[in-house]
Structures are given as structure tokens and as C-alpha cells.
Amino acid sequence: MGLFVSLILIAVGAILAWAVHPTSSGAVDVNTVGYILLVVGIVGLILDLLLWESWGPRLMRRRTAYADGPAERGYPARRRTVVEEDDVY
């Protein structure tokens, strides 16, 4: 779930929980649905911020290691292509 989806869920949940006042008692309580969407949006927002690459604990970040040592000026080393030719008799 992305940051934008979490914010939308929080907004819709807050509107349903605090701004809608149902006049009839139906089978589904609109306020309860609002609170559920609000909690799911907040949990999604927290998880998205924790796993975000620049803020989070960097648990999900990939690490790059070069066998030849660090590359010069921050650029990765170019790939070397070795072509072996077979002797034709």
C-alpha cells in the first residue's frame, strides 16, 4: 500500500467515522466502517514510512558489493565481455 492510498483511506475513514450521522439503523454501521478504514490507513502509513528507503531502518534496502573493490567516482565498474573463439580445423 502506498503513501497516497494510505492518506485516502485515512480521509475516507475520518469522514465516515466523524462526519456521517446515519438516520436509520441498517445492517452495517457506517461509523464502525469509518474507524476500521481509519485504522487500516494509519497502519499502512506507518508501514510505508518505516519501509521507505530514505527514512526507514533500511531493512529492505539492497546492498551492492563489488568484487574488485569500490568503483572510482561512485560509478560501477563496466562489465567485461570475454569472447572465446574455438579453433576450427
PDB file of N, CA and C in Angstrom:
ATOM      1  N   MET A   1       0.859  -1.154   0.000  1.00  0.00           N
ATOM      2  CA  MET A   1       0.000   0.000   0.000  1.00  0.00           C
ATOM      3  C   MET A   1       0.907   1.220   0.000  1.00  0.00           C
ATOM      4  N   GLY A   2       0.606   2.157  -0.852  1.00  0.00           N
ATOM      5  CA  GLY A   2       1.443   3.330  -0.974  1.00  0.00           C
ATOM      6  C   GLY A   2       1.014   4.445  -0.034  1.00  0.00           C
ATOM      7  N   LEU A   3       1.786   5.485  -0.065  1.00  0.00           N
ATOM      8  CA  LEU A   3       1.526   6.638   0.786  1.00  0.00           C
ATOM      9  C   LEU A   3       0.207   7.308   0.407  1.00  0.00           C
ATOM     10  N   PHE A   4      -0.035   7.440  -0.885  1.00  0.00           N
ATOM     11  CA  PHE A   4      -1.261   8.099  -1.348  1.00  0.00           C
ATOM     12  C   PHE A   4      -2.503   7.303  -0.967  1.00  0.00           C
ATOM     13  N   VAL A   5      -2.446   5.987  -1.103  1.00  0.00           N
ATOM     14  CA  VAL A   5      -3.586   5.139  -0.758  1.00  0.00           C
ATOM     15  C   VAL A   5      -3.853   5.199   0.742  1.00  0.00           C
ATOM     16  N   SER A   6      -2.811   5.233   1.544  1.00  0.00           N
ATOM     17  CA  SER A   6      -2.984   5.345   2.991  1.00  0.00           C
ATOM     18  C   SER A   6      -3.653   6.654   3.370  1.00  0.00           C
ATOM     19  N   LEU A   7      -3.241   7.741   2.739  1.00  0.00           N
ATOM     20  CA  LEU A   7      -3.855   9.034   3.045  1.00  0.00           C
ATOM     21  C   LEU A   7      -5.318   9.071   2.610  1.00  0.00           C
ATOM     22  N   ILE A   8      -5.639   8.451   1.490  1.00  0.00           N
ATOM     23  CA  ILE A   8      -7.038   8.384   1.042  1.00  0.00           C
ATOM     24  C   ILE A   8      -7.868   7.570   2.032  1.00  0.00           C
ATOM     25  N   LEU A   9      -7.348   6.428   2.490  1.00  0.00           N
ATOM     26  CA  LEU A   9      -8.074   5.613   3.468  1.00  0.00           C
ATOM     27  C   LEU A   9      -8.284   6.359   4.778  1.00  0.00           C
ATOM     28  N   ILE A  10      -7.290   7.114   5.219  1.00  0.00           N
ATOM     29  CA  ILE A  10      -7.432   7.896   6.443  1.00  0.00           C
ATOM     30  C   ILE A  10      -8.505   8.959   6.265  1.00  0.00           C
ATOM     31  N   ALA A  11      -8.510   9.631   5.117  1.00  0.00           N
ATOM     32  CA  ALA A  11      -9.501  10.683   4.876  1.00  0.00           C
ATOM     33  C   ALA A  11     -10.912  10.114   4.791  1.00  0.00           C
ATOM     34  N   VAL A  12     -11.096   9.029   4.050  1.00  0.00           N
ATOM     35  CA  VAL A  12     -12.428   8.422   3.928  1.00  0.00           C
ATOM     36  C   VAL A  12     -12.891   7.861   5.271  1.00  0.00           C
ATOM     37  N   GLY A  13     -11.985   7.239   5.999  1.00  0.00           N
ATOM     38  CA  GLY A  13     -12.337   6.706   7.317  1.00  0.00           C
ATOM     39  C   GLY A  13     -12.717   7.797   8.293  1.00  0.00           C
ATOM     40  N   ALA A  14     -12.012   8.916   8.268  1.00  0.00           N
ATOM     41  CA  ALA A  14     -12.339  10.020   9.165  1.00  0.00           C
ATOM     42  C   ALA A  14     -13.692  10.633   8.810  1.00  0.00           C
ATOM     43  N   ILE A  15     -13.976  10.737   7.527  1.00  0.00           N
ATOM     44  CA  ILE A  15     -15.275  11.280   7.111  1.00  0.00           C
ATOM     45  C   ILE A  15     -16.404  10.350   7.544  1.00  0.00           C
ATOM     46  N   LEU A  16     -16.223   9.056   7.320  1.00  0.00           N
ATOM     47  CA  LEU A  16     -17.276   8.119   7.717  1.00  0.00           C
ATOM     48  C   LEU A  16     -17.429   8.011   9.233  1.00  0.00           C
ATOM     49  N   ALA A  17     -16.331   8.136   9.966  1.00  0.00           N
ATOM     50  CA  ALA A  17     -16.390   7.968  11.422  1.00  0.00           C
ATOM     51  C   ALA A  17     -16.953   9.197  12.121  1.00  0.00           C
ATOM     52  N   TRP A  18     -16.576  10.382  11.679  1.00  0.00           N
ATOM     53  CA  TRP A  18     -16.931  11.577  12.444  1.00  0.00           C
ATOM     54  C   TRP A  18     -17.919  12.511  11.745  1.00  0.00           C
ATOM     55  N   ALA A  19     -18.049  12.446  10.440  1.00  0.00           N
ATOM     56  CA  ALA A  19     -18.899  13.424   9.751  1.00  0.00           C
ATOM     57  C   ALA A  19     -20.244  12.850   9.311  1.00  0.00           C
ATOM     58  N   VAL A  20     -20.364  11.544   9.188  1.00  0.00           N
ATOM     59  CA  VAL A  20     -21.611  10.942   8.734  1.00  0.00           C
ATOM     60  C   VAL A  20     -22.412  10.519   9.959  1.00  0.00           C
ATOM     61  N   HIS A  21     -23.672  10.958   9.987  1.00  0.00           N
ATOM     62  CA  HIS A  21     -24.572  10.588  11.070  1.00  0.00           C
ATOM     63  C   HIS A  21     -25.745   9.823  10.457  1.00  0.00           C
ATOM     64  N   PRO A  22     -25.715   8.501  10.544  1.00  0.00           N
ATOM     65  CA  PRO A  22     -26.779   7.714   9.901  1.00  0.00           C
ATOM     66  C   PRO A  22     -28.129   7.944  10.583  1.00  0.00           C
ATOM     67  N   THR A  23     -29.179   8.051   9.757  1.00  0.00           N
ATOM     68  CA  THR A  23     -30.514   8.284  10.298  1.00  0.00           C
ATOM     69  C   THR A  23     -31.263   6.981  10.534  1.00  0.00           C
ATOM     70  N   SER A  24     -30.921   5.930   9.800  1.00  0.00           N
ATOM     71  CA  SER A  24     -31.588   4.642  10.010  1.00  0.00           C
ATOM     72  C   SER A  24     -30.581   3.633  10.539  1.00  0.00           C
ATOM     73  N   SER A  25     -31.105   2.676  11.255  1.00  0.00           N
ATOM     74  CA  SER A  25     -30.217   1.634  11.779  1.00  0.00           C
ATOM     75  C   SER A  25     -30.197   0.476  10.792  1.00  0.00           C
ATOM     76  N   GLY A  26     -29.218   0.490   9.924  1.00  0.00           N
ATOM     77  CA  GLY A  26     -29.087  -0.556   8.912  1.00  0.00           C
ATOM     78  C   GLY A  26     -28.286  -1.723   9.443  1.00  0.00           C
ATOM     79  N   ALA A  27     -27.980  -2.643   8.554  1.00  0.00           N
ATOM     80  CA  ALA A  27     -27.216  -3.824   8.948  1.00  0.00           C
ATOM     81  C   ALA A  27     -25.741  -3.490   9.151  1.00  0.00           C
ATOM     82  N   VAL A  28     -25.261  -2.431   8.488  1.00  0.00           N
ATOM     83  CA  VAL A  28     -23.852  -2.046   8.588  1.00  0.00           C
ATOM     84  C   VAL A  28     -23.771  -0.682   9.261  1.00  0.00           C
ATOM     85  N   ASP A  29     -22.948  -0.600  10.298  1.00  0.00           N
ATOM     86  CA  ASP A  29     -22.747   0.670  10.979  1.00  0.00           C
ATOM     87  C   ASP A  29     -21.669   1.462  10.234  1.00  0.00           C
ATOM     88  N   VAL A  30     -22.058   2.609   9.691  1.00  0.00           N
ATOM     89  CA  VAL A  30     -21.150   3.413   8.872  1.00  0.00           C
ATOM     90  C   VAL A  30     -19.995   3.949   9.717  1.00  0.00           C
ATOM     91  N   ASN A  31     -20.263   4.292  10.953  1.00  0.00           N
ATOM     92  CA  ASN A  31     -19.201   4.812  11.814  1.00  0.00           C
ATOM     93  C   ASN A  31     -18.140   3.758  12.113  1.00  0.00           C
ATOM     94  N   THR A  32     -18.565   2.512  12.301  1.00  0.00           N
ATOM     95  CA  THR A  32     -17.606   1.431  12.544  1.00  0.00           C
ATOM     96  C   THR A  32     -16.745   1.186  11.310  1.00  0.00           C
ATOM     97  N   VAL A  33     -17.347   1.230  10.130  1.00  0.00           N
ATOM     98  CA  VAL A  33     -16.583   1.091   8.891  1.00  0.00           C
ATOM     99  C   VAL A  33     -15.576   2.229   8.782  1.00  0.00           C
ATOM    100  N   GLY A  34     -15.958   3.424   9.184  1.00  0.00           N
ATOM    101  CA  GLY A  34     -15.051   4.560   9.158  1.00  0.00           C
ATOM    102  C   GLY A  34     -13.854   4.371  10.074  1.00  0.00           C
ATOM    103  N   TYR A  35     -14.108   3.877  11.282  1.00  0.00           N
ATOM    104  CA  TYR A  35     -12.997   3.639  12.211  1.00  0.00           C
ATOM    105  C   TYR A  35     -12.066   2.542  11.703  1.00  0.00           C
ATOM    106  N   ILE A  36     -12.635   1.504  11.074  1.00  0.00           N
ATOM    107  CA  ILE A  36     -11.804   0.428  10.525  1.00  0.00           C
ATOM    108  C   ILE A  36     -10.926   0.966   9.400  1.00  0.00           C
ATOM    109  N   LEU A  37     -11.497   1.764   8.488  1.00  0.00           N
ATOM    110  CA  LEU A  37     -10.699   2.350   7.409  1.00  0.00           C
ATOM    111  C   LEU A  37      -9.638   3.299   7.955  1.00  0.00           C
ATOM    112  N   LEU A  38      -9.968   4.026   8.999  1.00  0.00           N
ATOM    113  CA  LEU A  38      -9.010   4.948   9.611  1.00  0.00           C
ATOM    114  C   LEU A  38      -7.819   4.191  10.195  1.00  0.00           C
ATOM    115  N   VAL A  39      -8.085   3.099  10.887  1.00  0.00           N
ATOM    116  CA  VAL A  39      -7.000   2.310  11.485  1.00  0.00           C
ATOM    117  C   VAL A  39      -6.150   1.642  10.406  1.00  0.00           C
ATOM    118  N   VAL A  40      -6.791   1.083   9.374  1.00  0.00           N
ATOM    119  CA  VAL A  40      -6.037   0.445   8.286  1.00  0.00           C
ATOM    120  C   VAL A  40      -5.173   1.472   7.564  1.00  0.00           C
ATOM    121  N   GLY A  41      -5.692   2.678   7.352  1.00  0.00           N
ATOM    122  CA  GLY A  41      -4.902   3.731   6.713  1.00  0.00           C
ATOM    123  C   GLY A  41      -3.716   4.164   7.546  1.00  0.00           C
ATOM    124  N   ILE A  42      -3.910   4.278   8.858  1.00  0.00           N
ATOM    125  CA  ILE A  42      -2.797   4.676   9.737  1.00  0.00           C
ATOM    126  C   ILE A  42      -1.723   3.590   9.780  1.00  0.00           C
ATOM    127  N   VAL A  43      -2.135   2.322   9.859  1.00  0.00           N
ATOM    128  CA  VAL A  43      -1.160   1.219   9.865  1.00  0.00           C
ATOM    129  C   VAL A  43      -0.401   1.175   8.546  1.00  0.00           C
ATOM    130  N   GLY A  44      -1.112   1.360   7.428  1.00  0.00           N
ATOM    131  CA  GLY A  44      -0.450   1.388   6.128  1.00  0.00           C
ATOM    132  C   GLY A  44       0.520   2.547   6.000  1.00  0.00           C
ATOM    133  N   LEU A  45       0.160   3.708   6.543  1.00  0.00           N
ATOM    134  CA  LEU A  45       1.044   4.873   6.508  1.00  0.00           C
ATOM    135  C   LEU A  45       2.305   4.630   7.328  1.00  0.00           C
ATOM    136  N   ILE A  46       2.145   4.053   8.506  1.00  0.00           N
ATOM    137  CA  ILE A  46       3.311   3.779   9.359  1.00  0.00           C
ATOM    138  C   ILE A  46       4.236   2.753   8.706  1.00  0.00           C
ATOM    139  N   LEU A  47       3.662   1.688   8.143  1.00  0.00           N
ATOM    140  CA  LEU A  47       4.495   0.686   7.471  1.00  0.00           C
ATOM    141  C   LEU A  47       5.191   1.252   6.245  1.00  0.00           C
ATOM    142  N   ASP A  48       4.483   2.111   5.510  1.00  0.00           N
ATOM    143  CA  ASP A  48       5.094   2.711   4.332  1.00  0.00           C
ATOM    144  C   ASP A  48       6.252   3.626   4.719  1.00  0.00           C
ATOM    145  N   LEU A  49       6.103   4.372   5.798  1.00  0.00           N
ATOM    146  CA  LEU A  49       7.190   5.254   6.230  1.00  0.00           C
ATOM    147  C   LEU A  49       8.368   4.467   6.804  1.00  0.00           C
ATOM    148  N   LEU A  50       8.083   3.348   7.476  1.00  0.00           N
ATOM    149  CA  LEU A  50       9.173   2.533   8.021  1.00  0.00           C
ATOM    150  C   LEU A  50       9.975   1.850   6.922  1.00  0.00           C
ATOM    151  N   LEU A  51       9.298   1.436   5.875  1.00  0.00           N
ATOM    152  CA  LEU A  51       9.986   0.738   4.798  1.00  0.00           C
ATOM    153  C   LEU A  51      10.427   1.673   3.679  1.00  0.00           C
ATOM    154  N   TRP A  52      10.192   2.960   3.867  1.00  0.00           N
ATOM    155  CA  TRP A  52      10.597   3.929   2.865  1.00  0.00           C
ATOM    156  C   TRP A  52      12.116   3.993   2.843  1.00  0.00           C
ATOM    157  N   GLU A  53      12.690   4.092   1.673  1.00  0.00           N
ATOM    158  CA  GLU A  53      14.134   3.953   1.506  1.00  0.00           C
ATOM    159  C   GLU A  53      14.934   5.036   2.222  1.00  0.00           C
ATOM    160  N   SER A  54      14.459   6.262   2.236  1.00  0.00           N
ATOM    161  CA  SER A  54      15.276   7.337   2.794  1.00  0.00           C
ATOM    162  C   SER A  54      15.033   7.552   4.286  1.00  0.00           C
ATOM    163  N   TRP A  55      13.909   7.070   4.853  1.00  0.00           N
ATOM    164  CA  TRP A  55      13.638   7.316   6.272  1.00  0.00           C
ATOM    165  C   TRP A  55      13.769   6.085   7.140  1.00  0.00           C
ATOM    166  N   GLY A  56      13.408   4.954   6.610  1.00  0.00           N
ATOM    167  CA  GLY A  56      13.252   3.755   7.414  1.00  0.00           C
ATOM    168  C   GLY A  56      14.562   3.180   7.916  1.00  0.00           C
ATOM    169  N   PRO A  57      14.465   2.069   8.609  1.00  0.00           N
ATOM    170  CA  PRO A  57      15.650   1.429   9.172  1.00  0.00           C
ATOM    171  C   PRO A  57      16.491   0.710   8.131  1.00  0.00           C
ATOM    172  N   ARG A  58      16.148   0.851   6.877  1.00  0.00           N
ATOM    173  CA  ARG A  58      16.887   0.290   5.756  1.00  0.00           C
ATOM    174  C   ARG A  58      16.975  -1.235   5.814  1.00  0.00           C
ATOM    175  N   LEU A  59      15.910  -1.842   6.307  1.00  0.00           N
ATOM    176  CA  LEU A  59      15.881  -3.303   6.354  1.00  0.00           C
ATOM    177  C   LEU A  59      15.657  -3.898   4.973  1.00  0.00           C
ATOM    178  N   MET A  60      14.936  -3.182   4.146  1.00  0.00           N
ATOM    179  CA  MET A  60      14.574  -3.712   2.843  1.00  0.00           C
ATOM    180  C   MET A  60      15.480  -3.188   1.733  1.00  0.00           C
ATOM    181  N   ARG A  61      16.532  -2.472   2.062  1.00  0.00           N
ATOM    182  CA  ARG A  61      17.398  -1.872   1.050  1.00  0.00           C
ATOM    183  C   ARG A  61      18.406  -2.889   0.547  1.00  0.00           C
ATOM    184  N   ARG A  62      18.641  -2.869  -0.740  1.00  0.00           N
ATOM    185  CA  ARG A  62      19.634  -3.757  -1.330  1.00  0.00           C
ATOM    186  C   ARG A  62      21.023  -3.162  -1.160  1.00  0.00           C
ATOM    187  N   ARG A  63      21.966  -4.018  -0.968  1.00  0.00           N
ATOM    188  CA  ARG A  63      23.348  -3.565  -0.856  1.00  0.00           C
ATOM    189  C   ARG A  63      24.127  -4.069  -2.055  1.00  0.00           C
ATOM    190  N   THR A  64      24.996  -3.237  -2.584  1.00  0.00           N
ATOM    191  CA  THR A  64      25.789  -3.597  -3.744  1.00  0.00           C
ATOM    192  C   THR A  64      27.241  -3.720  -3.327  1.00  0.00           C
ATOM    193  N   ALA A  65      27.849  -4.824  -3.644  1.00  0.00           N
ATOM    194  CA  ALA A  65      29.258  -5.038  -3.333  1.00  0.00           C
ATOM    195  C   ALA A  65      29.977  -5.388  -4.630  1.00  0.00           C
ATOM    196  N   TYR A  66      31.129  -4.814  -4.792  1.00  0.00           N
ATOM    197  CA  TYR A  66      31.936  -5.071  -5.983  1.00  0.00           C
ATOM    198  C   TYR A  66      33.110  -5.956  -5.592  1.00  0.00           C
ATOM    199  N   ALA A  67      33.389  -6.961  -6.411  1.00  0.00           N
ATOM    200  CA  ALA A  67      34.475  -7.887  -6.110  1.00  0.00           C
ATOM    201  C   ALA A  67      35.832  -7.217  -6.282  1.00  0.00           C
ATOM    202  N   ASP A  68      35.921  -6.214  -7.154  1.00  0.00           N
ATOM    203  CA  ASP A  68      37.184  -5.548  -7.408  1.00  0.00           C
ATOM    204  C   ASP A  68      37.450  -4.391  -6.453  1.00  0.00           C
ATOM    205  N   GLY A  69      36.595  -4.183  -5.490  1.00  0.00           N
ATOM    206  CA  GLY A  69      36.744  -3.054  -4.586  1.00  0.00           C
ATOM    207  C   GLY A  69      35.805  -1.934  -5.006  1.00  0.00           C
ATOM    208  N   PRO A  70      35.855  -0.833  -4.313  1.00  0.00           N
ATOM    209  CA  PRO A  70      34.942   0.269  -4.648  1.00  0.00           C
ATOM    210  C   PRO A  70      35.272   0.866  -6.009  1.00  0.00           C
ATOM    211  N   ALA A  71      34.244   1.282  -6.693  1.00  0.00           N
ATOM    212  CA  ALA A  71      34.428   1.872  -8.019  1.00  0.00           C
ATOM    213  C   ALA A  71      34.908   3.316  -7.889  1.00  0.00           C
ATOM    214  N   GLU A  72      35.565   3.789  -8.918  1.00  0.00           N
ATOM    215  CA  GLU A  72      36.061   5.163  -8.901  1.00  0.00           C
ATOM    216  C   GLU A  72      34.921   6.140  -9.120  1.00  0.00           C
ATOM    217  N   ARG A  73      34.924   7.234  -8.457  1.00  0.00           N
ATOM    218  CA  ARG A  73      33.962   8.320  -8.575  1.00  0.00           C
ATOM    219  C   ARG A  73      32.512   7.865  -8.415  1.00  0.00           C
ATOM    220  N   GLY A  74      32.276   6.781  -7.726  1.00  0.00           N
ATOM    221  CA  GLY A  74      30.926   6.345  -7.457  1.00  0.00           C
ATOM    222  C   GLY A  74      30.231   5.611  -8.577  1.00  0.00           C
ATOM    223  N   TYR A  75      30.883   5.470  -9.730  1.00  0.00           N
ATOM    224  CA  TYR A  75      30.264   4.765 -10.839  1.00  0.00           C
ATOM    225  C   TYR A  75      30.629   3.290 -10.746  1.00  0.00           C
ATOM    226  N   PRO A  76      29.687   2.421 -11.053  1.00  0.00           N
ATOM    227  CA  PRO A  76      30.026   0.994 -11.019  1.00  0.00           C
ATOM    228  C   PRO A  76      30.971   0.636 -12.158  1.00  0.00           C
ATOM    229  N   ALA A  77      31.737  -0.402 -11.933  1.00  0.00           N
ATOM    230  CA  ALA A  77      32.700  -0.833 -12.941  1.00  0.00           C
ATOM    231  C   ALA A  77      31.965  -1.354 -14.169  1.00  0.00           C
ATOM    232  N   ARG A  78      32.548  -1.133 -15.336  1.00  0.00           N
ATOM    233  CA  ARG A  78      31.936  -1.625 -16.564  1.00  0.00           C
ATOM    234  C   ARG A  78      32.069  -3.136 -16.629  1.00  0.00           C
ATOM    235  N   ARG A  79      31.116  -3.732 -17.280  1.00  0.00           N
ATOM    236  CA  ARG A  79      31.175  -5.176 -17.449  1.00  0.00           C
ATOM    237  C   ARG A  79      32.182  -5.526 -18.529  1.00  0.00           C
ATOM    238  N   ARG A  80      32.883  -6.588 -18.301  1.00  0.00           N
ATOM    239  CA  ARG A  80      33.846  -7.054 -19.283  1.00  0.00           C
ATOM    240  C   ARG A  80      33.254  -8.231 -20.024  1.00  0.00           C
ATOM    241  N   THR A  81      33.385  -8.197 -21.323  1.00  0.00           N
ATOM    242  CA  THR A  81      32.887  -9.290 -22.151  1.00  0.00           C
ATOM    243  C   THR A  81      34.081 -10.040 -22.704  1.00  0.00           C
ATOM    244  N   VAL A  82      34.113 -11.322 -22.434  1.00  0.00           N
ATOM    245  CA  VAL A  82      35.199 -12.169 -22.918  1.00  0.00           C
ATOM    246  C   VAL A  82      34.623 -13.092 -23.988  1.00  0.00           C
ATOM    247  N   VAL A  83      35.216 -13.013 -25.169  1.00  0.00           N
ATOM    248  CA  VAL A  83      34.762 -13.849 -26.280  1.00  0.00           C
ATOM    249  C   VAL A  83      35.853 -14.864 -26.560  1.00  0.00           C
ATOM    250  N   GLU A  84      35.505 -16.126 -26.437  1.00  0.00           N
ATOM    251  CA  GLU A  84      36.462 -17.191 -26.718  1.00  0.00           C
ATOM    252  C   GLU A  84      36.102 -17.800 -28.063  1.00  0.00           C
ATOM    253  N   GLU A  85      37.099 -17.903 -28.917  1.00  0.00           N
ATOM    254  CA  GLU A  85      36.858 -18.480 -30.227  1.00  0.00           C
ATOM    255  C   GLU A  85      37.404 -19.893 -30.250  1.00  0.00           C
ATOM    256  N   ASP A  86      36.635 -20.755 -30.840  1.00  0.00           N
ATOM    257  CA  ASP A  86      37.066 -22.149 -30.976  1.00  0.00           C
ATOM    258  C   ASP A  86      37.962 -22.274 -32.203  1.00  0.00           C
ATOM    259  N   ASP A  87      38.982 -23.110 -32.094  1.00  0.00           N
ATOM    260  CA  ASP A  87      39.843 -23.369 -33.247  1.00  0.00           C
ATOM    261  C   ASP A  87      39.101 -24.250 -34.238  1.00  0.00           C
ATOM    262  N   VAL A  88      39.077 -23.808 -35.468  1.00  0.00           N
ATOM    263  CA  VAL A  88      38.418 -24.585 -36.499  1.00  0.00           C
ATOM    264  C   VAL A  88      39.477 -25.352 -37.252  1.00  0.00           C
ATOM    265  N   TYR A  89      39.385 -26.667 -37.355  1.00  0.00           N
ATOM    266  CA  TYR A  89      40.375 -27.495 -38.053  1.00  0.00           C
ATOM    267  C   TYR A  89      39.975 -27.729 -39.457  1.00  0.00           C
TER     268      TYR A  89
END
